[in-house]
Amino acid sequence: FFKPDMVGHFPFLHKRSGQLISKMRFISSQLKAYISDNVWIRNAT
């Protein structure tokens, strides 16, 4: 979300959908590595 005021009740939708994962770090760690050191750009290039 680029406009924080648009988030609203989204955390509840996120939870209800089953996507609020308890071990969220396993997804976050992937994406953090992915966008660091230009990995995503090198891969796409």
All heavy atoms as atom14 arrays in JSON, in Angstrom:
{
  "sequence": "FFKPDMVGHFPFLHKRSGQLISKMRFISSQLKAYISDNVWIRNAT",
  "atom14_mask": [
    [1, 1, 1, 1, 1, 1, 1, 1, 1, 1, 1, 0, 0, 0],
    [1, 1, 1, 1, 1, 1, 1, 1, 1, 1, 1, 0, 0, 0],
    [1, 1, 1, 1, 1, 1, 1, 1, 1, 0, 0, 0, 0, 0],
    [1, 1, 1, 1, 1, 1, 1, 0, 0, 0, 0, 0, 0, 0],
    [1, 1, 1, 1, 1, 1, 1, 1, 0, 0, 0, 0, 0, 0],
    [1, 1, 1, 1, 1, 1, 1, 1, 0, 0, 0, 0, 0, 0],
    [1, 1, 1, 1, 1, 1, 1, 0, 0, 0, 0, 0, 0, 0],
    [1, 1, 1, 1, 0, 0, 0, 0, 0, 0, 0, 0, 0, 0],
    [1, 1, 1, 1, 1, 1, 1, 1, 1, 1, 0, 0, 0, 0],
    [1, 1, 1, 1, 1, 1, 1, 1, 1, 1, 1, 0, 0, 0],
    [1, 1, 1, 1, 1, 1, 1, 0, 0, 0, 0, 0, 0, 0],
    [1, 1, 1, 1, 1, 1, 1, 1, 1, 1, 1, 0, 0, 0],
    [1, 1, 1, 1, 1, 1, 1, 1, 0, 0, 0, 0, 0, 0],
    [1, 1, 1, 1, 1, 1, 1, 1, 1, 1, 0, 0, 0, 0],
    [1, 1, 1, 1, 1, 1, 1, 1, 1, 0, 0, 0, 0, 0],
    [1, 1, 1, 1, 1, 1, 1, 1, 1, 1, 1, 0, 0, 0],
    [1, 1, 1, 1, 1, 1, 0, 0, 0, 0, 0, 0, 0, 0],
    [1, 1, 1, 1, 0, 0, 0, 0, 0, 0, 0, 0, 0, 0],
    [1, 1, 1, 1, 1, 1, 1, 1, 1, 0, 0, 0, 0, 0],
    [1, 1, 1, 1, 1, 1, 1, 1, 0, 0, 0, 0, 0, 0],
    [1, 1, 1, 1, 1, 1, 1, 1, 0, 0, 0, 0, 0, 0],
    [1, 1, 1, 1, 1, 1, 0, 0, 0, 0, 0, 0, 0, 0],
    [1, 1, 1, 1, 1, 1, 1, 1, 1, 0, 0, 0, 0, 0],
    [1, 1, 1, 1, 1, 1, 1, 1, 0, 0, 0, 0, 0, 0],
    [1, 1, 1, 1, 1, 1, 1, 1, 1, 1, 1, 0, 0, 0],
    [1, 1, 1, 1, 1, 1, 1, 1, 1, 1, 1, 0, 0, 0],
    [1, 1, 1, 1, 1, 1, 1, 1, 0, 0, 0, 0, 0, 0],
    [1, 1, 1, 1, 1, 1, 0, 0, 0, 0, 0, 0, 0, 0],
    [1, 1, 1, 1, 1, 1, 0, 0, 0, 0, 0, 0, 0, 0],
    [1, 1, 1, 1, 1, 1, 1, 1, 1, 0, 0, 0, 0, 0],
    [1, 1, 1, 1, 1, 1, 1, 1, 0, 0, 0, 0, 0, 0],
    [1, 1, 1, 1, 1, 1, 1, 1, 1, 0, 0, 0, 0, 0],
    [1, 1, 1, 1, 1, 0, 0, 0, 0, 0, 0, 0, 0, 0],
    [1, 1, 1, 1, 1, 1, 1, 1, 1, 1, 1, 1, 0, 0],
    [1, 1, 1, 1, 1, 1, 1, 1, 0, 0, 0, 0, 0, 0],
    [1, 1, 1, 1, 1, 1, 0, 0, 0, 0, 0, 0, 0, 0],
    [1, 1, 1, 1, 1, 1, 1, 1, 0, 0, 0, 0, 0, 0],
    [1, 1, 1, 1, 1, 1, 1, 1, 0, 0, 0, 0, 0, 0],
    [1, 1, 1, 1, 1, 1, 1, 0, 0, 0, 0, 0, 0, 0],
    [1, 1, 1, 1, 1, 1, 1, 1, 1, 1, 1, 1, 1, 1],
    [1, 1, 1, 1, 1, 1, 1, 1, 0, 0, 0, 0, 0, 0],
    [1, 1, 1, 1, 1, 1, 1, 1, 1, 1, 1, 0, 0, 0],
    [1, 1, 1, 1, 1, 1, 1, 1, 0, 0, 0, 0, 0, 0],
    [1, 1, 1, 1, 1, 0, 0, 0, 0, 0, 0, 0, 0, 0],
    [1, 1, 1, 1, 1, 1, 1, 0, 0, 0, 0, 0, 0, 0]
  ],
  "atom14_positions": [
    [[0.85, -1.19, 0.0], [0.0, 0.0, 0.0], [0.89, 1.24, 0.0], [1.72, 1.41, 0.89], [-0.9, 0.03, 1.24], [-2.03, -0.95, 1.22], [-1.83, -2.28, 1.55], [-3.32, -0.54, 0.88], [-2.87, -3.2, 1.55], [-4.37, -1.44, 0.87], [-4.15, -2.77, 1.2], [0.0, 0.0, 0.0], [0.0, 0.0, 0.0], [0.0, 0.0, 0.0]],
    [[0.69, 2.12, -0.99], [1.47, 3.35, -1.06], [0.79, 4.5, -0.31], [1.42, 5.54, -0.09], [1.7, 3.74, -2.53], [2.5, 2.71, -3.28], [1.9, 1.92, -4.25], [3.84, 2.51, -3.0], [2.63, 0.97, -4.93], [4.58, 1.56, -3.68], [3.97, 0.78, -4.65], [0.0, 0.0, 0.0], [0.0, 0.0, 0.0], [0.0, 0.0, 0.0]],
    [[-0.47, 4.31, 0.05], [-1.2, 5.3, 0.85], [-1.68, 4.61, 2.12], [-2.68, 3.88, 2.09], [-2.37, 5.86, 0.05], [-1.97, 6.59, -1.22], [-3.2, 7.04, -2.01], [-2.8, 7.75, -3.29], [-3.99, 8.14, -4.09], [0.0, 0.0, 0.0], [0.0, 0.0, 0.0], [0.0, 0.0, 0.0], [0.0, 0.0, 0.0], [0.0, 0.0, 0.0]],
    [[-0.99, 4.81, 3.23], [-1.35, 4.11, 4.47], [-2.8, 4.28, 4.88], [-3.39, 3.38, 5.48], [-0.4, 4.75, 5.5], [0.78, 5.18, 4.7], [0.21, 5.65, 3.38], [0.0, 0.0, 0.0], [0.0, 0.0, 0.0], [0.0, 0.0, 0.0], [0.0, 0.0, 0.0], [0.0, 0.0, 0.0], [0.0, 0.0, 0.0], [0.0, 0.0, 0.0]],
    [[-3.42, 5.41, 4.5], [-4.81, 5.62, 4.91], [-5.78, 4.72, 4.15], [-6.96, 4.64, 4.48], [-5.21, 7.09, 4.73], [-5.08, 7.56, 3.28], [-4.37, 6.92, 2.5], [-5.7, 8.59, 2.94], [0.0, 0.0, 0.0], [0.0, 0.0, 0.0], [0.0, 0.0, 0.0], [0.0, 0.0, 0.0], [0.0, 0.0, 0.0], [0.0, 0.0, 0.0]],
    [[-5.28, 4.0, 3.13], [-6.12, 3.08, 2.38], [-6.15, 1.69, 3.0], [-6.93, 0.83, 2.59], [-5.66, 2.97, 0.92], [-5.77, 4.27, 0.14], [-5.3, 4.06, -1.61], [-6.7, 3.12, -2.22], [0.0, 0.0, 0.0], [0.0, 0.0, 0.0], [0.0, 0.0, 0.0], [0.0, 0.0, 0.0], [0.0, 0.0, 0.0], [0.0, 0.0, 0.0]],
    [[-5.3, 1.45, 4.0], [-5.21, 0.12, 4.6], [-6.52, -0.23, 5.32], [-7.07, -1.32, 5.15], [-4.02, 0.04, 5.58], [-4.05, -1.27, 6.35], [-2.71, 0.18, 4.81], [0.0, 0.0, 0.0], [0.0, 0.0, 0.0], [0.0, 0.0, 0.0], [0.0, 0.0, 0.0], [0.0, 0.0, 0.0], [0.0, 0.0, 0.0], [0.0, 0.0, 0.0]],
    [[-7.0, 0.69, 6.13], [-8.29, 0.49, 6.79], [-8.41, -0.83, 7.52], [-7.59, -1.19, 8.37], [0.0, 0.0, 0.0], [0.0, 0.0, 0.0], [0.0, 0.0, 0.0], [0.0, 0.0, 0.0], [0.0, 0.0, 0.0], [0.0, 0.0, 0.0], [0.0, 0.0, 0.0], [0.0, 0.0, 0.0], [0.0, 0.0, 0.0], [0.0, 0.0, 0.0]],
    [[-9.43, -1.6, 7.15], [-9.71, -2.88, 7.81], [-8.98, -4.04, 7.14], [-9.3, -5.2, 7.4], [-11.22, -3.15, 7.8], [-11.81, -3.13, 6.41], [-12.21, -1.98, 5.79], [-12.06, -4.12, 5.53], [-12.69, -2.26, 4.59], [-12.6, -3.56, 4.41], [0.0, 0.0, 0.0], [0.0, 0.0, 0.0], [0.0, 0.0, 0.0], [0.0, 0.0, 0.0]],
    [[-7.99, -3.75, 6.28], [-7.31, -4.81, 5.54], [-6.69, -5.89, 6.43], [-6.71, -7.07, 6.07], [-6.23, -4.22, 4.62], [-5.61, -5.25, 3.71], [-6.25, -5.64, 2.55], [-4.4, -5.85, 4.04], [-5.69, -6.61, 1.72], [-3.84, -6.8, 3.22], [-4.49, -7.19, 2.05], [0.0, 0.0, 0.0], [0.0, 0.0, 0.0], [0.0, 0.0, 0.0]],
    [[-6.09, -5.55, 7.6], [-5.53, -6.62, 8.44], [-6.54, -7.72, 8.77], [-6.17, -8.89, 8.88], [-5.08, -5.87, 9.7], [-4.76, -4.49, 9.21], [-5.8, -4.21, 8.16], [0.0, 0.0, 0.0], [0.0, 0.0, 0.0], [0.0, 0.0, 0.0], [0.0, 0.0, 0.0], [0.0, 0.0, 0.0], [0.0, 0.0, 0.0], [0.0, 0.0, 0.0]],
    [[-7.81, -7.35, 8.9], [-8.83, -8.36, 9.18], [-9.11, -9.21, 7.95], [-9.33, -10.43, 8.06], [-10.11, -7.68, 9.69], [-9.91, -6.92, 10.97], [-9.7, -5.56, 10.95], [-9.92, -7.58, 12.19], [-9.51, -4.84, 12.13], [-9.73, -6.89, 13.38], [-9.52, -5.52, 13.35], [0.0, 0.0, 0.0], [0.0, 0.0, 0.0], [0.0, 0.0, 0.0]],
    [[-9.11, -8.59, 6.77], [-9.29, -9.35, 5.53], [-8.11, -10.31, 5.33], [-8.28, -11.45, 4.89], [-9.39, -8.39, 4.35], [-10.56, -7.42, 4.35], [-10.44, -6.44, 3.18], [-11.88, -8.16, 4.28], [0.0, 0.0, 0.0], [0.0, 0.0, 0.0], [0.0, 0.0, 0.0], [0.0, 0.0, 0.0], [0.0, 0.0, 0.0], [0.0, 0.0, 0.0]],
    [[-6.92, -9.82, 5.66], [-5.71, -10.63, 5.54], [-5.8, -11.88, 6.42], [-5.51, -13.0, 5.98], [-4.51, -9.76, 5.94], [-3.18, -10.36, 5.64], [-2.1, -10.22, 6.48], [-2.74, -11.1, 4.6], [-1.05, -10.83, 5.96], [-1.41, -11.38, 4.82], [0.0, 0.0, 0.0], [0.0, 0.0, 0.0], [0.0, 0.0, 0.0], [0.0, 0.0, 0.0]],
    [[-6.22, -11.68, 7.66], [-6.37, -12.8, 8.58], [-7.46, -13.76, 8.12], [-7.27, -14.98, 8.11], [-6.69, -12.26, 9.98], [-7.05, -13.34, 11.0], [-5.9, -14.29, 11.28], [-6.28, -15.32, 12.33], [-5.17, -16.26, 12.62], [0.0, 0.0, 0.0], [0.0, 0.0, 0.0], [0.0, 0.0, 0.0], [0.0, 0.0, 0.0], [0.0, 0.0, 0.0]],
    [[-8.6, -13.22, 7.73], [-9.73, -14.07, 7.33], [-9.4, -14.93, 6.12], [-9.9, -16.05, 5.98], [-10.95, -13.2, 7.02], [-12.23, -14.0, 6.78], [-13.38, -13.11, 6.41], [-13.19, -12.5, 5.09], [-14.16, -11.87, 4.42], [-15.36, -11.75, 4.96], [-13.92, -11.34, 3.24], [0.0, 0.0, 0.0], [0.0, 0.0, 0.0], [0.0, 0.0, 0.0]],
    [[-8.52, -14.45, 5.27], [-8.18, -15.18, 4.04], [-7.24, -16.36, 4.29], [-6.99, -17.16, 3.38], [-7.52, -14.23, 3.05], [-6.21, -13.87, 3.49], [0.0, 0.0, 0.0], [0.0, 0.0, 0.0], [0.0, 0.0, 0.0], [0.0, 0.0, 0.0], [0.0, 0.0, 0.0], [0.0, 0.0, 0.0], [0.0, 0.0, 0.0], [0.0, 0.0, 0.0]],
    [[-6.68, -16.44, 5.5], [-5.73, -17.51, 5.79], [-4.31, -17.18, 5.38], [-3.44, -18.05, 5.4], [0.0, 0.0, 0.0], [0.0, 0.0, 0.0], [0.0, 0.0, 0.0], [0.0, 0.0, 0.0], [0.0, 0.0, 0.0], [0.0, 0.0, 0.0], [0.0, 0.0, 0.0], [0.0, 0.0, 0.0], [0.0, 0.0, 0.0], [0.0, 0.0, 0.0]],
    [[-4.05, -15.91, 5.01], [-2.72, -15.52, 4.56], [-1.87, -14.87, 5.65], [-0.72, -14.54, 5.42], [-2.84, -14.57, 3.36], [-3.45, -15.21, 2.14], [-2.63, -16.37, 1.6], [-1.41, -16.28, 1.44], [-3.29, -17.48, 1.32], [0.0, 0.0, 0.0], [0.0, 0.0, 0.0], [0.0, 0.0, 0.0], [0.0, 0.0, 0.0], [0.0, 0.0, 0.0]],
    [[-2.45, -14.65, 6.84], [-1.65, -14.17, 7.97], [-0.98, -15.38, 8.61], [-1.52, -16.0, 9.52], [-2.53, -13.43, 8.97], [-1.79, -12.85, 10.2], [-0.72, -11.85, 9.78], [-2.79, -12.22, 11.16], [0.0, 0.0, 0.0], [0.0, 0.0, 0.0], [0.0, 0.0, 0.0], [0.0, 0.0, 0.0], [0.0, 0.0, 0.0], [0.0, 0.0, 0.0]],
    [[0.19, -15.71, 8.12], [0.87, -16.95, 8.48], [1.67, -16.75, 9.77], [2.35, -15.74, 9.95], [1.79, -17.39, 7.33], [0.93, -17.66, 6.08], [2.58, -18.63, 7.7], [1.75, -17.87, 4.84], [0.0, 0.0, 0.0], [0.0, 0.0, 0.0], [0.0, 0.0, 0.0], [0.0, 0.0, 0.0], [0.0, 0.0, 0.0], [0.0, 0.0, 0.0]],
    [[1.6, -17.73, 10.64], [2.29, -17.59, 11.93], [3.8, -17.49, 11.74], [4.47, -16.7, 12.4], [1.95, -18.78, 12.83], [2.34, -20.0, 12.23], [0.0, 0.0, 0.0], [0.0, 0.0, 0.0], [0.0, 0.0, 0.0], [0.0, 0.0, 0.0], [0.0, 0.0, 0.0], [0.0, 0.0, 0.0], [0.0, 0.0, 0.0], [0.0, 0.0, 0.0]],
    [[4.37, -18.28, 10.84], [5.81, -18.24, 10.58], [6.1, -17.28, 9.42], [6.75, -17.65, 8.43], [6.33, -19.65, 10.26], [6.07, -20.68, 11.35], [6.79, -20.32, 12.64], [6.73, -21.46, 13.65], [5.36, -21.81, 14.07], [0.0, 0.0, 0.0], [0.0, 0.0, 0.0], [0.0, 0.0, 0.0], [0.0, 0.0, 0.0], [0.0, 0.0, 0.0]],
    [[5.62, -16.07, 9.54], [5.75, -15.1, 8.46], [7.2, -14.82, 8.08], [7.5, -14.41, 6.95], [5.06, -13.79, 8.86], [4.83, -12.82, 7.7], [3.66, -13.47, 6.49], [2.11, -13.14, 7.35], [0.0, 0.0, 0.0], [0.0, 0.0, 0.0], [0.0, 0.0, 0.0], [0.0, 0.0, 0.0], [0.0, 0.0, 0.0], [0.0, 0.0, 0.0]],
    [[8.1, -15.07, 9.0], [9.52, -14.78, 8.71], [10.04, -15.59, 7.54], [10.99, -15.16, 6.87], [10.37, -15.02, 9.95], [10.48, -16.47, 10.42], [11.26, -16.53, 11.74], [11.55, -17.87, 12.2], [10.75, -18.6, 12.95], [9.56, -18.11, 13.3], [11.1, -19.81, 13.35], [0.0, 0.0, 0.0], [0.0, 0.0, 0.0], [0.0, 0.0, 0.0]],
    [[9.43, -16.74, 7.26], [9.91, -17.55, 6.14], [9.54, -16.94, 4.79], [10.15, -17.25, 3.77], [9.36, -18.98, 6.24], [9.91, -19.73, 7.42], [9.06, -20.31, 8.34], [11.27, -19.85, 7.61], [9.56, -20.99, 9.44], [11.79, -20.53, 8.7], [10.93, -21.1, 9.62], [0.0, 0.0, 0.0], [0.0, 0.0, 0.0], [0.0, 0.0, 0.0]],
    [[8.53, -16.1, 4.76], [8.2, -15.36, 3.55], [8.99, -14.05, 3.5], [9.58, -13.69, 2.49], [6.69, -15.07, 3.46], [5.91, -16.39, 3.5], [6.37, -14.3, 2.18], [4.41, -16.2, 3.49], [0.0, 0.0, 0.0], [0.0, 0.0, 0.0], [0.0, 0.0, 0.0], [0.0, 0.0, 0.0], [0.0, 0.0, 0.0], [0.0, 0.0, 0.0]],
    [[9.02, -13.35, 4.63], [9.74, -12.07, 4.71], [11.21, -12.23, 4.37], [11.79, -11.4, 3.66], [9.6, -11.46, 6.11], [8.26, -11.27, 6.45], [0.0, 0.0, 0.0], [0.0, 0.0, 0.0], [0.0, 0.0, 0.0], [0.0, 0.0, 0.0], [0.0, 0.0, 0.0], [0.0, 0.0, 0.0], [0.0, 0.0, 0.0], [0.0, 0.0, 0.0]],
    [[11.82, -13.28, 4.88], [13.25, -13.48, 4.64], [13.54, -13.7, 3.16], [14.56, -13.22, 2.65], [13.77, -14.66, 5.47], [13.07, -15.86, 5.16], [0.0, 0.0, 0.0], [0.0, 0.0, 0.0], [0.0, 0.0, 0.0], [0.0, 0.0, 0.0], [0.0, 0.0, 0.0], [0.0, 0.0, 0.0], [0.0, 0.0, 0.0], [0.0, 0.0, 0.0]],
    [[12.65, -14.41, 2.48], [12.83, -14.6, 1.04], [12.79, -13.27, 0.3], [13.68, -12.96, -0.5], [11.72, -15.49, 0.48], [11.75, -16.94, 0.89], [10.61, -17.69, 0.22], [10.55, -17.8, -0.99], [9.68, -18.19, 1.03], [0.0, 0.0, 0.0], [0.0, 0.0, 0.0], [0.0, 0.0, 0.0], [0.0, 0.0, 0.0], [0.0, 0.0, 0.0]],
    [[11.73, -12.48, 0.55], [11.57, -11.23, -0.17], [12.66, -10.22, 0.19], [13.09, -9.44, -0.67], [10.19, -10.64, 0.12], [9.02, -11.32, -0.6], [7.69, -10.8, -0.09], [9.13, -11.13, -2.11], [0.0, 0.0, 0.0], [0.0, 0.0, 0.0], [0.0, 0.0, 0.0], [0.0, 0.0, 0.0], [0.0, 0.0, 0.0], [0.0, 0.0, 0.0]],
    [[13.09, -10.24, 1.44], [14.18, -9.34, 1.84], [15.45, -9.66, 1.05], [16.15, -8.75, 0.54], [14.44, -9.47, 3.34], [15.64, -8.69, 3.88], [15.49, -7.2, 3.71], [16.51, -6.43, 4.55], [17.89, -6.83, 4.29], [0.0, 0.0, 0.0], [0.0, 0.0, 0.0], [0.0, 0.0, 0.0], [0.0, 0.0, 0.0], [0.0, 0.0, 0.0]],
    [[15.77, -10.95, 0.94], [16.94, -11.36, 0.15], [16.74, -11.04, -1.33], [17.67, -10.65, -2.04], [17.2, -12.85, 0.34], [0.0, 0.0, 0.0], [0.0, 0.0, 0.0], [0.0, 0.0, 0.0], [0.0, 0.0, 0.0], [0.0, 0.0, 0.0], [0.0, 0.0, 0.0], [0.0, 0.0, 0.0], [0.0, 0.0, 0.0], [0.0, 0.0, 0.0]],
    [[15.52, -11.18, -1.79], [15.17, -11.0, -3.19], [15.39, -9.56, -3.65], [15.93, -9.32, -4.75], [13.7, -11.41, -3.37], [13.09, -11.16, -4.71], [13.5, -11.87, -5.84], [12.04, -10.25, -4.86], [12.9, -11.66, -7.07], [11.44, -10.04, -6.08], [11.87, -10.74, -7.19], [11.27, -10.53, -8.41], [0.0, 0.0, 0.0], [0.0, 0.0, 0.0]],
    [[14.99, -8.58, -2.82], [15.11, -7.18, -3.25], [16.42, -6.54, -2.79], [16.66, -5.37, -3.08], [13.91, -6.34, -2.75], [13.86, -6.31, -1.23], [12.62, -6.84, -3.35], [12.8, -5.37, -0.68], [0.0, 0.0, 0.0], [0.0, 0.0, 0.0], [0.0, 0.0, 0.0], [0.0, 0.0, 0.0], [0.0, 0.0, 0.0], [0.0, 0.0, 0.0]],
    [[17.23, -7.29, -2.08], [18.52, -6.76, -1.62], [19.6, -7.06, -2.65], [19.53, -8.03, -3.4], [18.9, -7.38, -0.27], [17.96, -7.03, 0.73], [0.0, 0.0, 0.0], [0.0, 0.0, 0.0], [0.0, 0.0, 0.0], [0.0, 0.0, 0.0], [0.0, 0.0, 0.0], [0.0, 0.0, 0.0], [0.0, 0.0, 0.0], [0.0, 0.0, 0.0]],
    [[20.61, -6.23, -2.68], [21.79, -6.43, -3.54], [21.4, -6.62, -5.01], [22.08, -7.35, -5.75], [22.6, -7.63, -3.05], [23.09, -7.46, -1.63], [23.47, -6.33, -1.27], [23.06, -8.45, -0.86], [0.0, 0.0, 0.0], [0.0, 0.0, 0.0], [0.0, 0.0, 0.0], [0.0, 0.0, 0.0], [0.0, 0.0, 0.0], [0.0, 0.0, 0.0]],
    [[20.27, -6.04, -5.42], [19.84, -6.07, -6.82], [19.58, -7.48, -7.35], [19.61, -7.71, -8.56], [20.86, -5.37, -7.73], [20.39, -4.01, -8.16], [19.35, -3.51, -7.7], [21.13, -3.38, -9.05], [0.0, 0.0, 0.0], [0.0, 0.0, 0.0], [0.0, 0.0, 0.0], [0.0, 0.0, 0.0], [0.0, 0.0, 0.0], [0.0, 0.0, 0.0]],
    [[19.3, -8.43, -6.47], [19.05, -9.8, -6.9], [17.89, -9.84, -7.88], [17.97, -10.47, -8.94], [18.77, -10.72, -5.69], [18.24, -12.06, -6.14], [20.05, -10.92, -4.89], [0.0, 0.0, 0.0], [0.0, 0.0, 0.0], [0.0, 0.0, 0.0], [0.0, 0.0, 0.0], [0.0, 0.0, 0.0], [0.0, 0.0, 0.0], [0.0, 0.0, 0.0]],
    [[16.77, -9.18, -7.53], [15.6, -9.26, -8.4], [15.86, -8.65, -9.77], [15.34, -9.14, -10.78], [14.39, -8.61, -7.72], [14.51, -7.15, -7.34], [15.65, -6.45, -7.04], [13.43, -6.22, -7.22], [15.34, -5.15, -6.71], [13.99, -4.97, -6.82], [12.06, -6.32, -7.38], [13.21, -3.84, -6.6], [11.28, -5.19, -7.15], [11.85, -3.97, -6.78]],
    [[16.68, -7.61, -9.81], [17.0, -6.96, -11.09], [17.92, -7.85, -11.92], [17.73, -7.99, -13.14], [17.62, -5.58, -10.86], [16.65, -4.68, -10.08], [18.01, -4.94, -12.18], [15.31, -4.47, -10.74], [0.0, 0.0, 0.0], [0.0, 0.0, 0.0], [0.0, 0.0, 0.0], [0.0, 0.0, 0.0], [0.0, 0.0, 0.0], [0.0, 0.0, 0.0]],
    [[18.9, -8.45, -11.28], [19.79, -9.35, -12.02], [19.02, -10.53, -12.6], [19.23, -10.93, -13.75], [20.91, -9.86, -11.1], [21.93, -8.82, -10.68], [23.24, -9.49, -10.24], [23.03, -10.51, -9.23], [23.0, -10.27, -7.93], [23.13, -9.03, -7.48], [22.83, -11.26, -7.07], [0.0, 0.0, 0.0], [0.0, 0.0, 0.0], [0.0, 0.0, 0.0]],
    [[18.14, -11.1, -11.79], [17.35, -12.24, -12.27], [16.48, -11.86, -13.45], [16.4, -12.58, -14.44], [16.47, -12.77, -11.14], [17.27, -13.46, -10.07], [18.48, -13.65, -10.2], [16.61, -13.83, -8.99], [0.0, 0.0, 0.0], [0.0, 0.0, 0.0], [0.0, 0.0, 0.0], [0.0, 0.0, 0.0], [0.0, 0.0, 0.0], [0.0, 0.0, 0.0]],
    [[15.79, -10.72, -13.32], [14.9, -10.28, -14.39], [15.68, -9.9, -15.65], [15.23, -10.14, -16.78], [14.06, -9.1, -13.91], [0.0, 0.0, 0.0], [0.0, 0.0, 0.0], [0.0, 0.0, 0.0], [0.0, 0.0, 0.0], [0.0, 0.0, 0.0], [0.0, 0.0, 0.0], [0.0, 0.0, 0.0], [0.0, 0.0, 0.0], [0.0, 0.0, 0.0]],
    [[16.85, -9.3, -15.47], [17.69, -8.94, -16.61], [18.08, -10.19, -17.4], [18.01, -10.21, -18.64], [18.95, -8.2, -16.14], [18.57, -6.98, -15.48], [19.86, -7.87, -17.32], [0.0, 0.0, 0.0], [0.0, 0.0, 0.0], [0.0, 0.0, 0.0], [0.0, 0.0, 0.0], [0.0, 0.0, 0.0], [0.0, 0.0, 0.0], [0.0, 0.0, 0.0]]
  ]
}
